[in-house]
Amino acid sequence: MIFIIPLTILSLSFLVLTGYTFFTIRYRNGSPGNRENQSTKPFPPVSILKPLRKKDDQIEKNLESYFLLDYPDYEILFGVDSCDEPVTEIIGLLQASYPRVSARVIVTGHADTGNPKIHKLTLLAEEARGTLYWVSDSNTRVEKNTLARLVDEYLGKNAKIIFSPIRSAGSRSIGSIIENVYFTNFVSANMIFAWKLFKKQIVIGKSILVERDTLDYFGGFHYFKDYLAEDYMLGKAYARSKIPISTNFTWVINVSQTTTLKDAFSRMERWAKLRFHLSLHFYLLELFLNPVMLALIFSLLMGGNRGLMILLGSLFLKIVLECAGFLVINHEERGKFRVVAMLPFCIILKDVLLFIVYFTPFFSSTVNWRGGKIRIGRNTLIYPKTGESLG
């Protein structure tokens, strides 16, 4: 009986993780048939809103991919804290190289209160001319047809938000491998699994296409300024209002190359605190999605050969599942011998870090984000500094 209980728990955990891997691989190239069912409606003008904070890995190539889009009518608006930001020089070179693309730099400053990203998006939207906004982070890279595919989903489904899963590239340091595996096998896998099995629309803010008029109905981006997880709350607000949300699984690439182990841990900790404050009951279940650490605990409690068998079997299955998901989705990484060789170690280290990170939201609600510390509450509501209000 003592042997059956942990075996049952681990079996259920691996069943869910197998579902993660299956659906992630299944939709790695988008929804089946989405290319054949493209809309014949004219493409509307799009404003790409890119809030920038620092010089990310391979940012030249990341930003250049947006200048190379195969789309008839779009503009790019870059939001920076000041004209002295190093990234402005890179943008200037790209503007000179691609003069046919309408691209502007908007100096927004940095907000000391509320959500700094929303602050930038609000000011960028005021300058935008498009009927659609495409919000994308500076460390993302896209294919030439990415925007056309997103807009086609908007036209074909009449959806007011189109969100994208994320795959990762650029792995070099241990921290970057861990972060890239985490994005593919946890973040995107969670989103796809929830969407396909439970029709739960989890919106991830690294790439979202939003209809301008519908967003204005809520009061624009400014409506979400008091929430740190503005992307999740945006999707939640639309879902509650029964406004259509969709995806055709048009992936964008998250580039992480030189991320340190400390930075990877810090981001995992921040995301854990966000999930904790967004949905506590689902967060509590996350512990059962870490079979490696569960197996370690069970093996220590049980001892002997059975405990060791459970641990070794769990390690093997977890490595096989995550290696399969990561390497199939992130085809750029397959030819990197060092990355492939390090994957098993990084997968296990990631799970150890996730186990440590899991408990931090129970003791702290402060997160490090965009150059400052922010304290959050339920639904990631940002607590004001002393003497300030959320009004």
Protein backbone atom coordinates (compact mmCIF):
# COMPACT_ATOMS: atom_id res chain seq x y z
CA MET A 1 0.00 0.00 0.00
CA ILE A 2 2.83 2.39 0.88
CA PHE A 3 4.37 1.67 -2.53
CA ILE A 4 1.09 2.10 -4.45
CA ILE A 5 0.28 5.63 -3.20
CA PRO A 6 3.47 7.35 -4.44
CA LEU A 7 3.36 5.31 -7.64
CA THR A 8 -0.22 6.50 -8.30
CA ILE A 9 0.70 10.15 -7.64
CA LEU A 10 3.72 9.96 -9.94
CA SER A 11 1.72 8.16 -12.64
CA LEU A 12 -0.89 10.95 -12.65
CA SER A 13 1.85 13.56 -12.76
CA PHE A 14 3.52 11.92 -15.74
CA LEU A 15 0.15 11.49 -17.46
CA VAL A 16 -0.36 15.26 -17.39
CA LEU A 17 3.23 15.94 -18.46
CA THR A 18 2.83 13.51 -21.35
CA GLY A 19 -0.24 15.50 -22.38
CA TYR A 20 1.86 18.66 -22.23
CA THR A 21 4.45 17.14 -24.55
CA PHE A 22 1.88 15.67 -26.94
CA PHE A 23 -0.10 18.87 -27.45
CA THR A 24 3.03 21.03 -27.67
CA ILE A 25 4.47 18.86 -30.44
CA ARG A 26 1.05 18.46 -32.09
CA TYR A 27 0.66 22.22 -32.56
CA ARG A 28 4.30 23.12 -33.22
CA ASN A 29 3.43 24.25 -36.77
CA GLY A 30 0.14 25.95 -35.96
CA SER A 31 -3.42 24.70 -36.15
CA PRO A 32 -3.94 22.05 -38.85
CA GLY A 33 -5.46 23.61 -41.95
CA ASN A 34 -5.00 27.21 -40.84
CA ARG A 35 -3.02 28.06 -43.97
CA GLU A 36 -5.67 26.63 -46.25
CA ASN A 37 -8.46 28.64 -44.64
CA GLN A 38 -6.96 32.10 -44.93
CA SER A 39 -9.36 35.00 -45.05
CA THR A 40 -9.93 36.88 -48.32
CA LYS A 41 -10.65 40.15 -46.48
CA PRO A 42 -8.15 43.02 -46.91
CA PHE A 43 -5.48 43.22 -44.22
CA PRO A 44 -6.03 46.16 -41.81
CA PRO A 45 -3.18 48.48 -40.75
CA VAL A 46 -1.23 47.22 -37.73
CA SER A 47 0.80 49.14 -35.16
CA ILE A 48 3.54 47.05 -33.58
CA LEU A 49 4.11 48.30 -30.04
CA LYS A 50 7.48 47.41 -28.57
CA PRO A 51 8.24 48.66 -25.03
CA LEU A 52 12.02 48.47 -24.54
CA ARG A 53 13.96 48.44 -21.30
CA LYS A 54 17.44 47.06 -21.89
CA LYS A 55 19.71 45.60 -24.54
CA ASP A 56 18.62 41.97 -24.77
CA ASP A 57 20.55 39.07 -26.28
CA GLN A 58 20.80 39.36 -30.08
CA ILE A 59 18.49 42.39 -29.98
CA GLU A 60 19.68 43.56 -33.42
CA LYS A 61 18.39 40.38 -35.06
CA ASN A 62 15.27 40.36 -32.89
CA LEU A 63 14.27 43.89 -33.91
CA GLU A 64 15.33 43.36 -37.53
CA SER A 65 12.88 40.45 -37.86
CA TYR A 66 10.04 42.97 -37.42
CA PHE A 67 11.41 45.12 -40.25
CA LEU A 68 11.34 42.06 -42.54
CA LEU A 69 7.66 41.18 -42.11
CA ASP A 70 5.71 40.23 -45.20
CA TYR A 71 2.68 42.42 -44.46
CA PRO A 72 1.30 45.26 -46.58
CA ASP A 73 0.56 47.95 -43.97
CA TYR A 74 2.27 48.19 -40.61
CA GLU A 75 4.33 50.51 -38.45
CA ILE A 76 6.69 49.89 -35.52
CA LEU A 77 6.65 52.09 -32.43
CA PHE A 78 9.50 51.66 -29.97
CA GLY A 79 9.03 52.92 -26.41
CA VAL A 80 12.22 53.85 -24.52
CA ASP A 81 12.91 55.52 -21.19
CA SER A 82 15.19 58.14 -22.73
CA CYS A 83 17.06 59.01 -25.92
CA ASP A 84 20.29 57.86 -24.26
CA GLU A 85 19.24 54.21 -24.24
CA PRO A 86 21.83 52.09 -26.15
CA VAL A 87 19.04 50.40 -28.10
CA THR A 88 18.11 53.68 -29.83
CA GLU A 89 21.33 53.53 -31.86
CA ILE A 90 20.42 50.04 -33.06
CA ILE A 91 16.94 51.23 -34.03
CA GLY A 92 18.46 54.13 -35.96
CA LEU A 93 20.64 51.77 -38.00
CA LEU A 94 17.63 49.58 -38.78
CA GLN A 95 15.58 52.61 -39.84
CA ALA A 96 18.36 53.57 -42.25
CA SER A 97 18.59 50.00 -43.60
CA TYR A 98 14.83 49.63 -44.08
CA PRO A 99 13.52 53.11 -45.01
CA ARG A 100 10.26 51.71 -46.44
CA VAL A 101 9.18 50.50 -43.00
CA SER A 102 7.50 53.15 -40.88
CA ALA A 103 9.33 53.05 -37.54
CA ARG A 104 9.49 55.61 -34.75
CA VAL A 105 11.08 55.93 -31.33
CA ILE A 106 8.82 57.35 -28.61
CA VAL A 107 10.44 58.56 -25.38
CA THR A 108 8.03 57.47 -22.65
CA GLY A 109 10.12 57.74 -19.50
CA HIS A 110 9.87 55.14 -16.75
CA ALA A 111 6.81 54.98 -14.50
CA ASP A 112 7.57 54.88 -10.77
CA THR A 113 4.05 53.69 -9.97
CA GLY A 114 1.77 51.11 -11.53
CA ASN A 115 2.86 48.73 -14.28
CA PRO A 116 5.88 50.18 -16.19
CA LYS A 117 5.09 48.16 -19.32
CA ILE A 118 1.49 49.44 -19.40
CA HIS A 119 2.81 52.97 -18.97
CA LYS A 120 4.85 52.57 -22.15
CA LEU A 121 2.06 50.82 -24.08
CA THR A 122 -0.43 53.56 -23.19
CA LEU A 123 1.83 56.27 -24.60
CA LEU A 124 2.71 54.22 -27.67
CA ALA A 125 -0.99 53.58 -28.39
CA GLU A 126 -1.63 57.34 -28.36
CA GLU A 127 0.81 57.70 -31.26
CA ALA A 128 -0.35 54.62 -33.18
CA ARG A 129 -2.42 54.76 -36.38
CA GLY A 130 -3.26 51.06 -36.78
CA THR A 131 -6.66 49.47 -36.19
CA LEU A 132 -4.81 46.54 -34.61
CA TYR A 133 -2.07 46.58 -32.00
CA TRP A 134 0.59 43.88 -31.95
CA VAL A 135 2.31 43.95 -28.57
CA SER A 136 5.61 42.07 -28.56
CA ASP A 137 8.58 42.01 -26.22
CA SER A 138 12.06 43.11 -27.25
CA ASN A 139 13.57 39.63 -26.78
CA THR A 140 11.20 38.03 -29.30
CA ARG A 141 12.00 37.12 -32.90
CA VAL A 142 9.45 36.33 -35.59
CA GLU A 143 9.16 34.81 -39.06
CA LYS A 144 8.25 36.90 -42.12
CA ASN A 145 4.69 35.53 -42.20
CA THR A 146 3.99 35.75 -38.45
CA LEU A 147 1.95 38.95 -38.54
CA ALA A 148 -0.03 37.86 -41.63
CA ARG A 149 -0.95 34.60 -39.89
CA LEU A 150 -2.05 36.39 -36.72
CA VAL A 151 -4.18 38.88 -38.65
CA ASP A 152 -5.68 36.07 -40.72
CA GLU A 153 -6.86 34.43 -37.50
CA TYR A 154 -8.37 37.77 -36.43
CA LEU A 155 -10.22 38.16 -39.72
CA GLY A 156 -11.34 34.55 -39.96
CA LYS A 157 -12.50 34.08 -36.35
CA ASN A 158 -13.52 37.68 -35.51
CA ALA A 159 -11.43 37.25 -32.36
CA LYS A 160 -10.40 40.42 -30.56
CA ILE A 161 -7.21 38.97 -29.04
CA ILE A 162 -4.89 36.54 -30.79
CA PHE A 163 -2.20 35.12 -28.53
CA SER A 164 0.93 33.15 -29.37
CA PRO A 165 2.82 30.30 -27.72
CA ILE A 166 6.56 30.76 -27.23
CA ARG A 167 9.49 28.65 -28.30
CA SER A 168 13.06 29.46 -27.38
CA ALA A 169 16.40 29.82 -29.09
CA GLY A 170 19.95 30.99 -28.50
CA SER A 171 20.81 28.64 -25.63
CA ARG A 172 24.43 29.04 -24.56
CA SER A 173 24.77 29.45 -20.79
CA ILE A 174 23.30 27.04 -18.24
CA GLY A 175 20.85 29.75 -17.19
CA SER A 176 19.66 30.28 -20.76
CA ILE A 177 19.17 26.53 -21.35
CA ILE A 178 17.11 26.28 -18.16
CA GLU A 179 15.05 29.32 -19.09
CA ASN A 180 14.44 28.12 -22.64
CA VAL A 181 13.42 24.64 -21.49
CA TYR A 182 11.12 26.27 -18.93
CA PHE A 183 9.44 28.45 -21.57
CA THR A 184 8.80 25.54 -23.92
CA ASN A 185 7.94 22.72 -21.54
CA PHE A 186 6.10 24.69 -18.87
CA VAL A 187 4.88 28.11 -20.03
CA SER A 188 3.80 27.28 -23.60
CA ALA A 189 2.88 23.69 -22.71
CA ASN A 190 0.59 24.93 -19.93
CA MET A 191 -1.07 27.41 -22.25
CA ILE A 192 -1.67 24.89 -25.04
CA PHE A 193 -2.83 22.14 -22.67
CA ALA A 194 -5.29 24.49 -20.95
CA TRP A 195 -6.57 25.80 -24.28
CA LYS A 196 -7.09 22.46 -25.99
CA LEU A 197 -8.44 20.43 -23.08
CA PHE A 198 -10.29 23.00 -20.98
CA LYS A 199 -10.84 25.94 -23.38
CA LYS A 200 -9.11 28.14 -20.82
CA GLN A 201 -7.65 31.20 -22.52
CA ILE A 202 -4.32 31.95 -20.89
CA VAL A 203 -2.92 35.04 -22.62
CA ILE A 204 0.86 35.44 -22.55
CA GLY A 205 2.07 38.98 -23.17
CA LYS A 206 5.19 38.25 -25.19
CA SER A 207 3.04 38.38 -28.34
CA ILE A 208 -0.61 39.42 -28.46
CA LEU A 209 -2.60 40.94 -31.31
CA VAL A 210 -5.38 43.22 -30.00
CA GLU A 211 -8.17 45.04 -31.80
CA ARG A 212 -7.96 48.74 -31.00
CA ASP A 213 -11.69 49.51 -30.79
CA THR A 214 -12.40 46.66 -28.39
CA LEU A 215 -9.49 47.61 -26.16
CA ASP A 216 -10.76 51.21 -26.10
CA TYR A 217 -14.06 49.83 -24.80
CA PHE A 218 -12.20 48.96 -21.58
CA GLY A 219 -10.35 52.26 -21.51
CA GLY A 220 -7.24 51.20 -23.42
CA PHE A 221 -4.11 49.69 -21.94
CA HIS A 222 -4.42 52.17 -19.07
CA TYR A 223 -7.30 50.11 -17.66
CA PHE A 224 -4.77 47.41 -16.67
CA LYS A 225 -2.11 49.72 -15.21
CA ASP A 226 -2.61 48.50 -11.64
CA TYR A 227 -1.88 44.84 -12.41
CA LEU A 228 1.57 43.39 -12.90
CA ALA A 229 0.24 40.39 -14.90
CA GLU A 230 -1.45 42.71 -17.39
CA ASP A 231 -1.52 40.06 -20.13
CA TYR A 232 -3.39 37.53 -17.99
CA MET A 233 -5.80 40.18 -16.70
CA LEU A 234 -6.41 41.41 -20.26
CA GLY A 235 -7.46 37.91 -21.30
CA LYS A 236 -9.53 37.49 -18.15
CA ALA A 237 -11.39 40.76 -18.76
CA TYR A 238 -12.19 39.76 -22.34
CA ALA A 239 -13.31 36.28 -21.32
CA ARG A 240 -15.63 37.66 -18.63
CA SER A 241 -17.15 40.04 -21.17
CA LYS A 242 -17.56 37.11 -23.61
CA ILE A 243 -15.32 38.84 -26.16
CA PRO A 244 -13.76 36.26 -28.51
CA ILE A 245 -10.15 35.23 -27.87
CA SER A 246 -8.31 32.91 -30.21
CA THR A 247 -5.02 31.39 -31.33
CA ASN A 248 -3.89 29.54 -34.42
CA PHE A 249 -0.68 28.57 -32.63
CA THR A 250 1.53 30.96 -34.54
CA TRP A 251 4.68 30.69 -32.43
CA VAL A 252 7.13 33.46 -31.64
CA ILE A 253 10.73 32.90 -30.59
CA ASN A 254 12.01 33.97 -27.18
CA VAL A 255 15.76 34.57 -27.43
CA SER A 256 17.80 33.79 -24.32
CA GLN A 257 21.54 33.33 -24.80
CA THR A 258 23.57 34.69 -21.87
CA THR A 259 21.04 34.43 -19.03
CA THR A 260 22.81 33.64 -15.75
CA LEU A 261 21.60 31.03 -13.31
CA LYS A 262 20.78 33.85 -10.88
CA ASP A 263 18.67 35.66 -13.50
CA ALA A 264 16.83 32.47 -14.45
CA PHE A 265 16.04 31.79 -10.80
CA SER A 266 14.86 35.38 -10.29
CA ARG A 267 12.47 35.20 -13.25
CA MET A 268 11.11 31.81 -12.19
CA GLU A 269 10.53 33.25 -8.73
CA ARG A 270 8.70 36.27 -10.15
CA TRP A 271 6.48 34.12 -12.37
CA ALA A 272 5.72 31.81 -9.43
CA LYS A 273 4.53 34.76 -7.36
CA LEU A 274 2.37 35.98 -10.24
CA ARG A 275 0.70 32.55 -10.64
CA PHE A 276 0.23 32.29 -6.88
CA HIS A 277 -1.69 35.57 -6.79
CA LEU A 278 -3.66 34.85 -9.96
CA SER A 279 -5.02 31.41 -9.07
CA LEU A 280 -4.06 29.92 -5.71
CA HIS A 281 -5.87 26.59 -6.14
CA PHE A 282 -4.18 25.91 -9.49
CA TYR A 283 -0.87 27.01 -8.05
CA LEU A 284 -1.15 24.49 -5.22
CA LEU A 285 -1.55 21.73 -7.82
CA GLU A 286 1.72 22.72 -9.51
CA LEU A 287 3.65 20.82 -6.86
CA PHE A 288 2.31 17.60 -8.39
CA LEU A 289 3.76 18.58 -11.79
CA ASN A 290 7.29 18.20 -10.44
CA PRO A 291 7.62 14.39 -10.34
CA VAL A 292 11.41 14.51 -9.94
CA MET A 293 11.21 16.22 -6.57
CA LEU A 294 8.19 14.14 -5.54
CA ALA A 295 10.11 10.99 -6.41
CA LEU A 296 13.10 12.21 -4.39
CA ILE A 297 10.88 12.80 -1.36
CA PHE A 298 9.17 9.42 -1.77
CA SER A 299 12.50 7.63 -2.17
CA LEU A 300 13.86 9.20 1.02
CA LEU A 301 10.70 8.26 2.96
CA MET A 302 10.57 4.71 1.62
CA GLY A 303 14.26 3.94 1.39
CA GLY A 304 15.60 0.71 -0.04
CA ASN A 305 15.54 -0.51 -3.63
CA ARG A 306 11.91 0.47 -4.26
CA GLY A 307 12.59 4.09 -3.39
CA LEU A 308 15.68 4.11 -5.60
CA MET A 309 13.74 2.54 -8.49
CA ILE A 310 11.04 5.20 -8.23
CA LEU A 311 13.63 7.99 -8.28
CA LEU A 312 15.65 6.61 -11.20
CA GLY A 313 12.53 5.82 -13.22
CA SER A 314 11.14 9.32 -12.65
CA LEU A 315 14.44 10.94 -13.65
CA PHE A 316 14.55 8.92 -16.86
CA LEU A 317 10.93 9.62 -17.87
CA LYS A 318 11.17 13.34 -17.11
CA ILE A 319 14.36 13.75 -19.12
CA VAL A 320 12.91 11.84 -22.10
CA LEU A 321 9.67 13.86 -22.12
CA GLU A 322 11.29 17.28 -21.79
CA CYS A 323 14.12 16.57 -24.20
CA ALA A 324 11.58 15.42 -26.78
CA GLY A 325 9.38 18.49 -26.35
CA PHE A 326 12.27 20.96 -26.34
CA LEU A 327 14.19 19.56 -29.29
CA VAL A 328 11.15 19.03 -31.52
CA ILE A 329 9.83 22.55 -30.92
CA ASN A 330 13.15 24.39 -30.85
CA HIS A 331 14.76 23.00 -33.98
CA GLU A 332 17.55 25.61 -33.90
CA GLU A 333 18.95 23.95 -30.79
CA ARG A 334 19.22 20.41 -32.18
CA GLY A 335 22.55 21.01 -33.89
CA LYS A 336 24.22 22.43 -30.78
CA PHE A 337 26.10 19.49 -29.27
CA ARG A 338 26.83 21.28 -26.00
CA VAL A 339 23.19 22.26 -25.53
CA VAL A 340 21.92 18.74 -26.25
CA ALA A 341 24.54 17.23 -23.95
CA MET A 342 23.63 19.65 -21.14
CA LEU A 343 19.87 19.18 -21.47
CA PRO A 344 19.43 16.28 -18.99
CA PHE A 345 21.41 18.09 -16.31
CA CYS A 346 19.58 21.40 -16.94
CA ILE A 347 16.15 19.73 -16.87
CA ILE A 348 16.83 18.23 -13.43
CA LEU A 349 18.40 21.46 -12.15
CA LYS A 350 15.37 23.37 -13.42
CA ASP A 351 13.05 21.10 -11.44
CA VAL A 352 15.14 21.57 -8.29
CA LEU A 353 14.98 25.35 -8.73
CA LEU A 354 11.23 25.18 -9.38
CA PHE A 355 10.79 23.23 -6.14
CA ILE A 356 12.70 25.90 -4.21
CA VAL A 357 10.88 28.72 -5.99
CA TYR A 358 7.49 27.07 -5.35
CA PHE A 359 7.52 28.05 -1.67
CA THR A 360 8.66 31.67 -2.03
CA PRO A 361 5.18 33.20 -2.65
CA PHE A 362 4.05 31.92 0.75
CA PHE A 363 6.63 34.17 2.42
CA SER A 364 7.01 37.17 0.09
CA SER A 365 4.81 39.14 -2.33
CA THR A 366 7.56 41.41 -3.62
CA VAL A 367 8.89 40.90 -7.15
CA ASN A 368 11.83 42.39 -9.05
CA TRP A 369 10.69 43.76 -12.40
CA ARG A 370 11.98 46.28 -14.92
CA GLY A 371 14.50 47.88 -12.62
CA GLY A 372 12.48 48.03 -9.40
CA LYS A 373 10.74 46.13 -6.62
CA ILE A 374 6.96 45.83 -6.76
CA ARG A 375 4.66 44.39 -4.09
CA ILE A 376 1.57 42.61 -5.39
CA GLY A 377 -1.69 41.28 -4.03
CA ARG A 378 -4.63 39.29 -5.39
CA ASN A 379 -4.75 39.14 -9.21
CA THR A 380 -1.25 40.74 -9.08
CA LEU A 381 -2.76 44.07 -8.05
CA ILE A 382 0.18 46.42 -7.48
CA TYR A 383 0.34 47.85 -3.98
CA PRO A 384 1.03 51.59 -4.02
CA LYS A 385 4.02 53.07 -2.29
CA THR A 386 3.42 54.88 0.96
CA GLY A 387 1.34 58.00 0.44
CA GLU A 388 0.14 56.98 -3.02
CA SER A 389 -3.19 55.63 -4.23
CA LEU A 390 -4.25 53.28 -6.98
CA GLY A 391 -6.74 55.72 -8.37
